[in-house]
Amino acid sequence: TLVTAVKAAGLAETLSGQGPFTVFAPTNDAFNSLPAGTLENLLQNPEQLKSILTYHVVPGNVMAADVVKIPSAVTVTGKPVNVTVEGQTVKINDANVTKTDIKTDNGVIHVIDKVLLPPQ
């Protein structure tokens, strides 16, 4: 679902560029848990979709060991996400990080269980 959304927002070339990027990637279940019709509506509104997807991207390589040491990170939208650590649980805003440090050619991916919505 994330790949489909990235393509619909016209971000595929950007995110496969030089980087490095840290992506907090929602699972398919995260997209499926959005209210009915939300994903379909976003796929028809590329600019709104782009603003939501870029809110999941932080410039640079931020590995899990670094994420747990910072209170927040500024996304490529210029808006920050909050980072909290509660025992063994790491949250980005209200999303749980479920997998970490998936290395890519141009950065790293951390899987999260919710879609992050930027503040208005």
PDB file of N, CA and C in Angstrom:
ATOM      1  N   THR A   1       0.832  -1.193   0.000  1.00  0.00           N
ATOM      2  CA  THR A   1       0.000   0.000   0.000  1.00  0.00           C
ATOM      3  C   THR A   1       0.874   1.252   0.000  1.00  0.00           C
ATOM      4  N   LEU A   2       1.948   1.227   0.789  1.00  0.00           N
ATOM      5  CA  LEU A   2       2.838   2.390   0.837  1.00  0.00           C
ATOM      6  C   LEU A   2       3.443   2.683  -0.538  1.00  0.00           C
ATOM      7  N   VAL A   3       3.865   1.655  -1.239  1.00  0.00           N
ATOM      8  CA  VAL A   3       4.450   1.848  -2.570  1.00  0.00           C
ATOM      9  C   VAL A   3       3.420   2.442  -3.528  1.00  0.00           C
ATOM     10  N   THR A   4       2.205   1.956  -3.485  1.00  0.00           N
ATOM     11  CA  THR A   4       1.130   2.502  -4.320  1.00  0.00           C
ATOM     12  C   THR A   4       0.919   3.974  -4.000  1.00  0.00           C
ATOM     13  N   ALA A   5       0.901   4.305  -2.715  1.00  0.00           N
ATOM     14  CA  ALA A   5       0.697   5.688  -2.291  1.00  0.00           C
ATOM     15  C   ALA A   5       1.863   6.577  -2.732  1.00  0.00           C
ATOM     16  N   VAL A   6       3.084   6.088  -2.598  1.00  0.00           N
ATOM     17  CA  VAL A   6       4.264   6.850  -3.005  1.00  0.00           C
ATOM     18  C   VAL A   6       4.206   7.155  -4.498  1.00  0.00           C
ATOM     19  N   LYS A   7       3.816   6.161  -5.291  1.00  0.00           N
ATOM     20  CA  LYS A   7       3.702   6.380  -6.736  1.00  0.00           C
ATOM     21  C   LYS A   7       2.593   7.374  -7.054  1.00  0.00           C
ATOM     22  N   ALA A   8       1.448   7.259  -6.375  1.00  0.00           N
ATOM     23  CA  ALA A   8       0.319   8.161  -6.624  1.00  0.00           C
ATOM     24  C   ALA A   8       0.663   9.603  -6.263  1.00  0.00           C
ATOM     25  N   ALA A   9       1.533   9.791  -5.277  1.00  0.00           N
ATOM     26  CA  ALA A   9       1.929  11.133  -4.849  1.00  0.00           C
ATOM     27  C   ALA A   9       3.084  11.684  -5.683  1.00  0.00           C
ATOM     28  N   GLY A  10       3.605  10.868  -6.601  1.00  0.00           N
ATOM     29  CA  GLY A  10       4.719  11.315  -7.424  1.00  0.00           C
ATOM     30  C   GLY A  10       6.041  11.375  -6.686  1.00  0.00           C
ATOM     31  N   LEU A  11       6.184  10.559  -5.666  1.00  0.00           N
ATOM     32  CA  LEU A  11       7.390  10.586  -4.835  1.00  0.00           C
ATOM     33  C   LEU A  11       8.357   9.444  -5.109  1.00  0.00           C
ATOM     34  N   ALA A  12       8.025   8.538  -5.992  1.00  0.00           N
ATOM     35  CA  ALA A  12       8.865   7.351  -6.210  1.00  0.00           C
ATOM     36  C   ALA A  12      10.288   7.739  -6.601  1.00  0.00           C
ATOM     37  N   GLU A  13      10.422   8.655  -7.549  1.00  0.00           N
ATOM     38  CA  GLU A  13      11.756   9.055  -7.995  1.00  0.00           C
ATOM     39  C   GLU A  13      12.518   9.776  -6.882  1.00  0.00           C
ATOM     40  N   THR A  14      11.829  10.649  -6.157  1.00  0.00           N
ATOM     41  CA  THR A  14      12.462  11.390  -5.062  1.00  0.00           C
ATOM     42  C   THR A  14      12.986  10.448  -3.989  1.00  0.00           C
ATOM     43  N   LEU A  15      12.138   9.518  -3.550  1.00  0.00           N
ATOM     44  CA  LEU A  15      12.540   8.632  -2.460  1.00  0.00           C
ATOM     45  C   LEU A  15      13.529   7.560  -2.889  1.00  0.00           C
ATOM     46  N   SER A  16      13.676   7.344  -4.185  1.00  0.00           N
ATOM     47  CA  SER A  16      14.702   6.405  -4.631  1.00  0.00           C
ATOM     48  C   SER A  16      15.968   7.158  -5.027  1.00  0.00           C
ATOM     49  N   GLY A  17      15.980   8.472  -4.759  1.00  0.00           N
ATOM     50  CA  GLY A  17      17.134   9.310  -5.058  1.00  0.00           C
ATOM     51  C   GLY A  17      18.285   9.068  -4.104  1.00  0.00           C
ATOM     52  N   GLN A  18      19.241   9.987  -4.142  1.00  0.00           N
ATOM     53  CA  GLN A  18      20.498   9.823  -3.427  1.00  0.00           C
ATOM     54  C   GLN A  18      20.344   9.687  -1.915  1.00  0.00           C
ATOM     55  N   GLY A  19      19.476  10.471  -1.299  1.00  0.00           N
ATOM     56  CA  GLY A  19      19.305  10.390   0.149  1.00  0.00           C
ATOM     57  C   GLY A  19      20.494  10.948   0.889  1.00  0.00           C
ATOM     58  N   PRO A  20      20.752  10.483   2.090  1.00  0.00           N
ATOM     59  CA  PRO A  20      20.034   9.404   2.768  1.00  0.00           C
ATOM     60  C   PRO A  20      18.723   9.879   3.394  1.00  0.00           C
ATOM     61  N   PHE A  21      17.810   8.932   3.518  1.00  0.00           N
ATOM     62  CA  PHE A  21      16.512   9.167   4.119  1.00  0.00           C
ATOM     63  C   PHE A  21      16.241   8.126   5.198  1.00  0.00           C
ATOM     64  N   THR A  22      15.534   8.557   6.230  1.00  0.00           N
ATOM     65  CA  THR A  22      14.981   7.628   7.210  1.00  0.00           C
ATOM     66  C   THR A  22      13.477   7.659   6.997  1.00  0.00           C
ATOM     67  N   VAL A  23      12.887   6.502   6.725  1.00  0.00           N
ATOM     68  CA  VAL A  23      11.454   6.416   6.457  1.00  0.00           C
ATOM     69  C   VAL A  23      10.784   5.622   7.568  1.00  0.00           C
ATOM     70  N   PHE A  24       9.760   6.236   8.164  1.00  0.00           N
ATOM     71  CA  PHE A  24       8.898   5.527   9.108  1.00  0.00           C
ATOM     72  C   PHE A  24       7.739   4.999   8.271  1.00  0.00           C
ATOM     73  N   ALA A  25       7.811   3.717   7.926  1.00  0.00           N
ATOM     74  CA  ALA A  25       6.923   3.119   6.930  1.00  0.00           C
ATOM     75  C   ALA A  25       5.730   2.418   7.580  1.00  0.00           C
ATOM     76  N   PRO A  26       4.519   2.929   7.343  1.00  0.00           N
ATOM     77  CA  PRO A  26       3.328   2.249   7.861  1.00  0.00           C
ATOM     78  C   PRO A  26       3.104   0.914   7.149  1.00  0.00           C
ATOM     79  N   THR A  27       2.614  -0.054   7.889  1.00  0.00           N
ATOM     80  CA  THR A  27       2.269  -1.359   7.318  1.00  0.00           C
ATOM     81  C   THR A  27       0.984  -1.244   6.503  1.00  0.00           C
ATOM     82  N   ASN A  28       0.679  -2.283   5.735  1.00  0.00           N
ATOM     83  CA  ASN A  28      -0.610  -2.335   5.028  1.00  0.00           C
ATOM     84  C   ASN A  28      -1.760  -2.258   6.017  1.00  0.00           C
ATOM     85  N   ASP A  29      -1.627  -2.951   7.168  1.00  0.00           N
ATOM     86  CA  ASP A  29      -2.680  -2.898   8.186  1.00  0.00           C
ATOM     87  C   ASP A  29      -2.895  -1.476   8.703  1.00  0.00           C
ATOM     88  N   ALA A  30      -1.798  -0.703   8.791  1.00  0.00           N
ATOM     89  CA  ALA A  30      -1.921   0.690   9.237  1.00  0.00           C
ATOM     90  C   ALA A  30      -2.778   1.482   8.255  1.00  0.00           C
ATOM     91  N   PHE A  31      -2.519   1.299   6.963  1.00  0.00           N
ATOM     92  CA  PHE A  31      -3.344   1.986   5.959  1.00  0.00           C
ATOM     93  C   PHE A  31      -4.780   1.483   6.005  1.00  0.00           C
ATOM     94  N   ASN A  32      -4.955   0.190   6.188  1.00  0.00           N
ATOM     95  CA  ASN A  32      -6.300  -0.392   6.227  1.00  0.00           C
ATOM     96  C   ASN A  32      -7.097   0.058   7.439  1.00  0.00           C
ATOM     97  N   SER A  33      -6.418   0.509   8.500  1.00  0.00           N
ATOM     98  CA  SER A  33      -7.134   0.938   9.700  1.00  0.00           C
ATOM     99  C   SER A  33      -7.578   2.397   9.633  1.00  0.00           C
ATOM    100  N   LEU A  34      -7.225   3.103   8.552  1.00  0.00           N
ATOM    101  CA  LEU A  34      -7.738   4.458   8.374  1.00  0.00           C
ATOM    102  C   LEU A  34      -9.255   4.387   8.185  1.00  0.00           C
ATOM    103  N   PRO A  35      -9.961   5.454   8.527  1.00  0.00           N
ATOM    104  CA  PRO A  35     -11.420   5.432   8.327  1.00  0.00           C
ATOM    105  C   PRO A  35     -11.774   5.086   6.872  1.00  0.00           C
ATOM    106  N   ALA A  36     -12.899   4.415   6.716  1.00  0.00           N
ATOM    107  CA  ALA A  36     -13.346   3.971   5.388  1.00  0.00           C
ATOM    108  C   ALA A  36     -13.321   5.118   4.391  1.00  0.00           C
ATOM    109  N   GLY A  37     -12.742   4.865   3.223  1.00  0.00           N
ATOM    110  CA  GLY A  37     -12.706   5.844   2.149  1.00  0.00           C
ATOM    111  C   GLY A  37     -11.525   6.801   2.202  1.00  0.00           C
ATOM    112  N   THR A  38     -10.813   6.846   3.331  1.00  0.00           N
ATOM    113  CA  THR A  38      -9.708   7.803   3.478  1.00  0.00           C
ATOM    114  C   THR A  38      -8.593   7.532   2.479  1.00  0.00           C
ATOM    115  N   LEU A  39      -8.149   6.293   2.387  1.00  0.00           N
ATOM    116  CA  LEU A  39      -7.051   5.976   1.480  1.00  0.00           C
ATOM    117  C   LEU A  39      -7.444   6.256   0.036  1.00  0.00           C
ATOM    118  N   GLU A  40      -8.639   5.854  -0.346  1.00  0.00           N
ATOM    119  CA  GLU A  40      -9.107   6.086  -1.707  1.00  0.00           C
ATOM    120  C   GLU A  40      -9.141   7.582  -2.009  1.00  0.00           C
ATOM    121  N   ASN A  41      -9.613   8.384  -1.037  1.00  0.00           N
ATOM    122  CA  ASN A  41      -9.660   9.829  -1.198  1.00  0.00           C
ATOM    123  C   ASN A  41      -8.251  10.402  -1.354  1.00  0.00           C
ATOM    124  N   LEU A  42      -7.321   9.928  -0.536  1.00  0.00           N
ATOM    125  CA  LEU A  42      -5.945  10.422  -0.614  1.00  0.00           C
ATOM    126  C   LEU A  42      -5.291  10.070  -1.949  1.00  0.00           C
ATOM    127  N   LEU A  43      -5.569   8.881  -2.457  1.00  0.00           N
ATOM    128  CA  LEU A  43      -4.988   8.475  -3.740  1.00  0.00           C
ATOM    129  C   LEU A  43      -5.474   9.371  -4.879  1.00  0.00           C
ATOM    130  N   GLN A  44      -6.611  10.021  -4.688  1.00  0.00           N
ATOM    131  CA  GLN A  44      -7.151  10.942  -5.693  1.00  0.00           C
ATOM    132  C   GLN A  44      -6.683  12.383  -5.465  1.00  0.00           C
ATOM    133  N   ASN A  45      -5.987  12.625  -4.353  1.00  0.00           N
ATOM    134  CA  ASN A  45      -5.505  13.964  -4.001  1.00  0.00           C
ATOM    135  C   ASN A  45      -3.996  13.928  -3.778  1.00  0.00           C
ATOM    136  N   PRO A  46      -3.223  13.924  -4.865  1.00  0.00           N
ATOM    137  CA  PRO A  46      -1.769  13.735  -4.755  1.00  0.00           C
ATOM    138  C   PRO A  46      -1.051  14.730  -3.844  1.00  0.00           C
ATOM    139  N   GLU A  47      -1.480  15.987  -3.817  1.00  0.00           N
ATOM    140  CA  GLU A  47      -0.786  16.966  -2.969  1.00  0.00           C
ATOM    141  C   GLU A  47      -0.995  16.666  -1.484  1.00  0.00           C
ATOM    142  N   GLN A  48      -2.217  16.334  -1.111  1.00  0.00           N
ATOM    143  CA  GLN A  48      -2.498  15.985   0.288  1.00  0.00           C
ATOM    144  C   GLN A  48      -1.762  14.701   0.660  1.00  0.00           C
ATOM    145  N   LEU A  49      -1.775  13.731  -0.235  1.00  0.00           N
ATOM    146  CA  LEU A  49      -1.082  12.470  -0.013  1.00  0.00           C
ATOM    147  C   LEU A  49       0.416  12.716   0.145  1.00  0.00           C
ATOM    148  N   LYS A  50       0.958  13.583  -0.701  1.00  0.00           N
ATOM    149  CA  LYS A  50       2.389  13.900  -0.633  1.00  0.00           C
ATOM    150  C   LYS A  50       2.749  14.497   0.726  1.00  0.00           C
ATOM    151  N   SER A  51       1.918  15.397   1.243  1.00  0.00           N
ATOM    152  CA  SER A  51       2.218  16.010   2.540  1.00  0.00           C
ATOM    153  C   SER A  51       2.181  14.986   3.670  1.00  0.00           C
ATOM    154  N   ILE A  52       1.284  14.015   3.570  1.00  0.00           N
ATOM    155  CA  ILE A  52       1.221  12.965   4.596  1.00  0.00           C
ATOM    156  C   ILE A  52       2.428  12.037   4.476  1.00  0.00           C
ATOM    157  N   LEU A  53       2.750  11.623   3.266  1.00  0.00           N
ATOM    158  CA  LEU A  53       3.875  10.688   3.086  1.00  0.00           C
ATOM    159  C   LEU A  53       5.213  11.320   3.456  1.00  0.00           C
ATOM    160  N   THR A  54       5.429  12.581   3.101  1.00  0.00           N
ATOM    161  CA  THR A  54       6.708  13.210   3.435  1.00  0.00           C
ATOM    162  C   THR A  54       6.830  13.470   4.938  1.00  0.00           C
ATOM    163  N   TYR A  55       5.711  13.460   5.649  1.00  0.00           N
ATOM    164  CA  TYR A  55       5.735  13.556   7.116  1.00  0.00           C
ATOM    165  C   TYR A  55       6.304  12.278   7.740  1.00  0.00           C
ATOM    166  N   HIS A  56       6.447  11.232   6.954  1.00  0.00           N
ATOM    167  CA  HIS A  56       7.027   9.968   7.406  1.00  0.00           C
ATOM    168  C   HIS A  56       8.525   9.875   7.102  1.00  0.00           C
ATOM    169  N   VAL A  57       9.111  10.933   6.538  1.00  0.00           N
ATOM    170  CA  VAL A  57      10.499  10.885   6.084  1.00  0.00           C
ATOM    171  C   VAL A  57      11.334  11.935   6.817  1.00  0.00           C
ATOM    172  N   VAL A  58      12.469  11.475   7.344  1.00  0.00           N
ATOM    173  CA  VAL A  58      13.424  12.351   8.026  1.00  0.00           C
ATOM    174  C   VAL A  58      14.714  12.326   7.212  1.00  0.00           C
ATOM    175  N   PRO A  59      15.301  13.500   6.956  1.00  0.00           N
ATOM    176  CA  PRO A  59      16.579  13.502   6.232  1.00  0.00           C
ATOM    177  C   PRO A  59      17.665  12.792   7.052  1.00  0.00           C
ATOM    178  N   GLY A  60      18.541  12.083   6.360  1.00  0.00           N
ATOM    179  CA  GLY A  60      19.664  11.415   7.018  1.00  0.00           C
ATOM    180  C   GLY A  60      19.378   9.972   7.369  1.00  0.00           C
ATOM    181  N   ASN A  61      20.413   9.322   7.880  1.00  0.00           N
ATOM    182  CA  ASN A  61      20.324   7.938   8.346  1.00  0.00           C
ATOM    183  C   ASN A  61      20.149   7.954   9.854  1.00  0.00           C
ATOM    184  N   VAL A  62      18.943   7.719  10.330  1.00  0.00           N
ATOM    185  CA  VAL A  62      18.695   7.703  11.769  1.00  0.00           C
ATOM    186  C   VAL A  62      18.400   6.258  12.164  1.00  0.00           C
ATOM    187  N   MET A  63      19.422   5.599  12.687  1.00  0.00           N
ATOM    188  CA  MET A  63      19.286   4.195  13.078  1.00  0.00           C
ATOM    189  C   MET A  63      18.530   4.108  14.410  1.00  0.00           C
ATOM    190  N   ALA A  64      18.028   2.927  14.737  1.00  0.00           N
ATOM    191  CA  ALA A  64      17.230   2.731  15.946  1.00  0.00           C
ATOM    192  C   ALA A  64      17.980   3.187  17.192  1.00  0.00           C
ATOM    193  N   ALA A  65      19.268   2.916  17.264  1.00  0.00           N
ATOM    194  CA  ALA A  65      20.058   3.320  18.433  1.00  0.00           C
ATOM    195  C   ALA A  65      20.068   4.838  18.586  1.00  0.00           C
ATOM    196  N   ASP A  66      19.933   5.561  17.472  1.00  0.00           N
ATOM    197  CA  ASP A  66      19.884   7.029  17.519  1.00  0.00           C
ATOM    198  C   ASP A  66      18.476   7.523  17.815  1.00  0.00           C
ATOM    199  N   VAL A  67      17.479   6.858  17.241  1.00  0.00           N
ATOM    200  CA  VAL A  67      16.087   7.276  17.425  1.00  0.00           C
ATOM    201  C   VAL A  67      15.732   7.321  18.903  1.00  0.00           C
ATOM    202  N   VAL A  68      16.147   6.324  19.668  1.00  0.00           N
ATOM    203  CA  VAL A  68      15.758   6.252  21.084  1.00  0.00           C
ATOM    204  C   VAL A  68      16.426   7.323  21.940  1.00  0.00           C
ATOM    205  N   LYS A  69      17.386   8.041  21.389  1.00  0.00           N
ATOM    206  CA  LYS A  69      18.102   9.072  22.149  1.00  0.00           C
ATOM    207  C   LYS A  69      17.578  10.480  21.889  1.00  0.00           C
ATOM    208  N   ILE A  70      16.625  10.619  20.966  1.00  0.00           N
ATOM    209  CA  ILE A  70      16.146  11.955  20.613  1.00  0.00           C
ATOM    210  C   ILE A  70      14.675  12.119  20.984  1.00  0.00           C
ATOM    211  N   PRO A  71      14.268  13.321  21.403  1.00  0.00           N
ATOM    212  CA  PRO A  71      12.858  13.538  21.757  1.00  0.00           C
ATOM    213  C   PRO A  71      11.967  13.793  20.550  1.00  0.00           C
ATOM    214  N   SER A  72      12.600  14.217  19.433  1.00  0.00           N
ATOM    215  CA  SER A  72      11.826  14.478  18.228  1.00  0.00           C
ATOM    216  C   SER A  72      12.775  14.508  17.035  1.00  0.00           C
ATOM    217  N   ALA A  73      12.170  14.475  15.846  1.00  0.00           N
ATOM    218  CA  ALA A  73      12.944  14.569  14.609  1.00  0.00           C
ATOM    219  C   ALA A  73      12.139  15.395  13.628  1.00  0.00           C
ATOM    220  N   VAL A  74      12.823  16.276  12.902  1.00  0.00           N
ATOM    221  CA  VAL A  74      12.139  17.123  11.925  1.00  0.00           C
ATOM    222  C   VAL A  74      12.056  16.372  10.604  1.00  0.00           C
ATOM    223  N   THR A  75      10.837  16.244  10.096  1.00  0.00           N
ATOM    224  CA  THR A  75      10.604  15.543   8.837  1.00  0.00           C
ATOM    225  C   THR A  75      10.918  16.463   7.663  1.00  0.00           C
ATOM    226  N   VAL A  76      10.899  15.916   6.454  1.00  0.00           N
ATOM    227  CA  VAL A  76      11.171  16.738   5.272  1.00  0.00           C
ATOM    228  C   VAL A  76      10.077  17.780   5.031  1.00  0.00           C
ATOM    229  N   THR A  77       8.945  17.666   5.704  1.00  0.00           N
ATOM    230  CA  THR A  77       7.906  18.691   5.618  1.00  0.00           C
ATOM    231  C   THR A  77       8.271  19.910   6.457  1.00  0.00           C
ATOM    232  N   GLY A  78       9.273  19.772   7.330  1.00  0.00           N
ATOM    233  CA  GLY A  78       9.629  20.833   8.261  1.00  0.00           C
ATOM    234  C   GLY A  78       8.910  20.704   9.580  1.00  0.00           C
ATOM    235  N   LYS A  79       7.997  19.747   9.680  1.00  0.00           N
ATOM    236  CA  LYS A  79       7.239  19.525  10.912  1.00  0.00           C
ATOM    237  C   LYS A  79       7.838  18.336  11.666  1.00  0.00           C
ATOM    238  N   PRO A  80       7.961  18.446  12.994  1.00  0.00           N
ATOM    239  CA  PRO A  80       8.582  17.371  13.758  1.00  0.00           C
ATOM    240  C   PRO A  80       7.622  16.225  14.082  1.00  0.00           C
ATOM    241  N   VAL A  81       8.222  15.059  14.295  1.00  0.00           N
ATOM    242  CA  VAL A  81       7.519  13.926  14.898  1.00  0.00           C
ATOM    243  C   VAL A  81       8.121  13.744  16.291  1.00  0.00           C
ATOM    244  N   ASN A  82       7.292  13.332  17.230  1.00  0.00           N
ATOM    245  CA  ASN A  82       7.763  13.091  18.590  1.00  0.00           C
ATOM    246  C   ASN A  82       8.234  11.649  18.729  1.00  0.00           C
ATOM    247  N   VAL A  83       9.285  11.462  19.499  1.00  0.00           N
ATOM    248  CA  VAL A  83       9.818  10.131  19.768  1.00  0.00           C
ATOM    249  C   VAL A  83       9.707   9.888  21.270  1.00  0.00           C
ATOM    250  N   THR A  84       9.052   8.787  21.646  1.00  0.00           N
ATOM    251  CA  THR A  84       8.990   8.415  23.059  1.00  0.00           C
ATOM    252  C   THR A  84       9.400   6.966  23.213  1.00  0.00           C
ATOM    253  N   VAL A  85      10.039   6.693  24.322  1.00  0.00           N
ATOM    254  CA  VAL A  85      10.469   5.337  24.645  1.00  0.00           C
ATOM    255  C   VAL A  85       9.811   4.963  25.963  1.00  0.00           C
ATOM    256  N   GLU A  86       9.043   3.873  25.937  1.00  0.00           N
ATOM    257  CA  GLU A  86       8.371   3.367  27.129  1.00  0.00           C
ATOM    258  C   GLU A  86       8.773   1.909  27.293  1.00  0.00           C
ATOM    259  N   GLY A  87       9.779   1.656  28.135  1.00  0.00           N
ATOM    260  CA  GLY A  87      10.290   0.300  28.260  1.00  0.00           C
ATOM    261  C   GLY A  87      10.928  -0.138  26.964  1.00  0.00           C
ATOM    262  N   GLN A  88      10.426  -1.222  26.389  1.00  0.00           N
ATOM    263  CA  GLN A  88      10.935  -1.728  25.111  1.00  0.00           C
ATOM    264  C   GLN A  88      10.173  -1.170  23.911  1.00  0.00           C
ATOM    265  N   THR A  89       9.184  -0.317  24.167  1.00  0.00           N
ATOM    266  CA  THR A  89       8.353   0.228  23.097  1.00  0.00           C
ATOM    267  C   THR A  89       8.834   1.609  22.684  1.00  0.00           C
ATOM    268  N   VAL A  90       9.026   1.782  21.391  1.00  0.00           N
ATOM    269  CA  VAL A  90       9.389   3.082  20.836  1.00  0.00           C
ATOM    270  C   VAL A  90       8.217   3.555  19.998  1.00  0.00           C
ATOM    271  N   LYS A  91       7.835   4.814  20.230  1.00  0.00           N
ATOM    272  CA  LYS A  91       6.715   5.392  19.489  1.00  0.00           C
ATOM    273  C   LYS A  91       7.175   6.604  18.702  1.00  0.00           C
ATOM    274  N   ILE A  92       6.631   6.722  17.506  1.00  0.00           N
ATOM    275  CA  ILE A  92       6.758   7.920  16.694  1.00  0.00           C
ATOM    276  C   ILE A  92       5.356   8.520  16.689  1.00  0.00           C
ATOM    277  N   ASN A  93       5.207   9.670  17.336  1.00  0.00           N
ATOM    278  CA  ASN A  93       3.884  10.211  17.654  1.00  0.00           C
ATOM    279  C   ASN A  93       3.106   9.114  18.380  1.00  0.00           C
ATOM    280  N   ASP A  94       1.975   8.642  17.841  1.00  0.00           N
ATOM    281  CA  ASP A  94       1.229   7.584  18.523  1.00  0.00           C
ATOM    282  C   ASP A  94       1.376   6.218  17.845  1.00  0.00           C
ATOM    283  N   ALA A  95       2.331   6.106  16.946  1.00  0.00           N
ATOM    284  CA  ALA A  95       2.568   4.841  16.230  1.00  0.00           C
ATOM    285  C   ALA A  95       3.694   4.062  16.899  1.00  0.00           C
ATOM    286  N   ASN A  96       3.506   2.762  17.055  1.00  0.00           N
ATOM    287  CA  ASN A  96       4.548   1.887  17.591  1.00  0.00           C
ATOM    288  C   ASN A  96       5.516   1.491  16.481  1.00  0.00           C
ATOM    289  N   VAL A  97       6.804   1.520  16.797  1.00  0.00           N
ATOM    290  CA  VAL A  97       7.807   1.023  15.862  1.00  0.00           C
ATOM    291  C   VAL A  97       7.840  -0.493  16.036  1.00  0.00           C
ATOM    292  N   THR A  98       7.611  -1.228  14.944  1.00  0.00           N
ATOM    293  CA  THR A  98       7.523  -2.688  15.037  1.00  0.00           C
ATOM    294  C   THR A  98       8.738  -3.409  14.460  1.00  0.00           C
ATOM    295  N   LYS A  99       9.464  -2.767  13.549  1.00  0.00           N
ATOM    296  CA  LYS A  99      10.705  -3.309  12.989  1.00  0.00           C
ATOM    297  C   LYS A  99      11.646  -2.146  12.767  1.00  0.00           C
ATOM    298  N   THR A 100      12.928  -2.398  12.968  1.00  0.00           N
ATOM    299  CA  THR A 100      13.888  -1.300  12.855  1.00  0.00           C
ATOM    300  C   THR A 100      15.053  -1.656  11.943  1.00  0.00           C
ATOM    301  N   ASP A 101      15.747  -0.598  11.541  1.00  0.00           N
ATOM    302  CA  ASP A 101      17.027  -0.699  10.846  1.00  0.00           C
ATOM    303  C   ASP A 101      17.013  -1.579   9.590  1.00  0.00           C
ATOM    304  N   ILE A 102      15.991  -1.411   8.768  1.00  0.00           N
ATOM    305  CA  ILE A 102      15.967  -2.095   7.479  1.00  0.00           C
ATOM    306  C   ILE A 102      16.763  -1.205   6.525  1.00  0.00           C
ATOM    307  N   LYS A 103      17.973  -1.620   6.237  1.00  0.00           N
ATOM    308  CA  LYS A 103      18.868  -0.790   5.437  1.00  0.00           C
ATOM    309  C   LYS A 103      18.503  -0.853   3.960  1.00  0.00           C
ATOM    310  N   THR A 104      18.602   0.303   3.317  1.00  0.00           N
ATOM    311  CA  THR A 104      18.362   0.419   1.880  1.00  0.00           C
ATOM    312  C   THR A 104      19.579   1.098   1.254  1.00  0.00           C
ATOM    313  N   ASP A 105      19.590   1.182  -0.061  1.00  0.00           N
ATOM    314  CA  ASP A 105      20.705   1.833  -0.752  1.00  0.00           C
ATOM    315  C   ASP A 105      20.834   3.308  -0.384  1.00  0.00           C
ATOM    316  N   ASN A 106      19.725   3.934  -0.008  1.00  0.00           N
ATOM    317  CA  ASN A 106      19.767   5.365   0.265  1.00  0.00           C
ATOM    318  C   ASN A 106      19.213   5.738   1.644  1.00  0.00           C
ATOM    319  N   GLY A 107      19.333   4.829   2.599  1.00  0.00           N
ATOM    320  CA  GLY A 107      18.872   5.161   3.940  1.00  0.00           C
ATOM    321  C   GLY A 107      18.439   3.959   4.736  1.00  0.00           C
ATOM    322  N   VAL A 108      17.441   4.200   5.581  1.00  0.00           N
ATOM    323  CA  VAL A 108      16.974   3.165   6.500  1.00  0.00           C
ATOM    324  C   VAL A 108      15.456   3.292   6.662  1.00  0.00           C
ATOM    325  N   ILE A 109      14.819   2.147   6.901  1.00  0.00           N
ATOM    326  CA  ILE A 109      13.371   2.099   7.113  1.00  0.00           C
ATOM    327  C   ILE A 109      13.107   1.538   8.508  1.00  0.00           C
ATOM    328  N   HIS A 110      12.160   2.171   9.199  1.00  0.00           N
ATOM    329  CA  HIS A 110      11.625   1.651  10.452  1.00  0.00           C
ATOM    330  C   HIS A 110      10.133   1.462  10.215  1.00  0.00           C
ATOM    331  N   VAL A 111       9.608   0.286  10.487  1.00  0.00           N
ATOM    332  CA  VAL A 111       8.199  -0.019  10.239  1.00  0.00           C
ATOM    333  C   VAL A 111       7.369   0.432  11.444  1.00  0.00           C
ATOM    334  N   ILE A 112       6.241   1.090  11.154  1.00  0.00           N
ATOM    335  CA  ILE A 112       5.331   1.550  12.209  1.00  0.00           C
ATOM    336  C   ILE A 112       3.924   1.011  11.963  1.00  0.00           C
ATOM    337  N   ASP A 113       3.124   1.007  13.041  1.00  0.00           N
ATOM    338  CA  ASP A 113       1.802   0.374  12.944  1.00  0.00           C
ATOM    339  C   ASP A 113       0.638   1.343  12.709  1.00  0.00           C
ATOM    340  N   LYS A 114       0.935   2.623  12.457  1.00  0.00           N
ATOM    341  CA  LYS A 114      -0.112   3.613  12.163  1.00  0.00           C
ATOM    342  C   LYS A 114       0.397   4.573  11.103  1.00  0.00           C
ATOM    343  N   VAL A 115      -0.529   5.190  10.406  1.00  0.00           N
ATOM    344  CA  VAL A 115      -0.192   6.249   9.471  1.00  0.00           C
ATOM    345  C   VAL A 115      -0.088   7.536  10.281  1.00  0.00           C
ATOM    346  N   LEU A 116       1.020   8.250  10.109  1.00  0.00           N
ATOM    347  CA  LEU A 116       1.223   9.515  10.814  1.00  0.00           C
ATOM    348  C   LEU A 116       0.522  10.631  10.055  1.00  0.00           C
ATOM    349  N   LEU A 117      -0.230  11.433  10.761  1.00  0.00           N
ATOM    350  CA  LEU A 117      -0.903  12.574  10.142  1.00  0.00           C
ATOM    351  C   LEU A 117      -0.249  13.855  10.638  1.00  0.00           C
ATOM    352  N   PRO A 118       0.222  14.697   9.704  1.00  0.00           N
ATOM    353  CA  PRO A 118       0.906  15.918  10.116  1.00  0.00           C
ATOM    354  C   PRO A 118      -0.045  16.871  10.840  1.00  0.00           C
ATOM    355  N   PRO A 119       0.507  17.660  11.771  1.00  0.00           N
ATOM    356  CA  PRO A 119      -0.343  18.640  12.443  1.00  0.00           C
ATOM    357  C   PRO A 119      -0.824  19.689  11.447  1.00  0.00           C
ATOM    358  N   GLN A 120      -1.994  20.213  11.673  1.00  0.00           N
ATOM    359  CA  GLN A 120      -2.552  21.224  10.759  1.00  0.00           C
ATOM    360  C   GLN A 120      -1.929  22.575  11.000  1.00  0.00           C
TER     361      GLN A 120
END
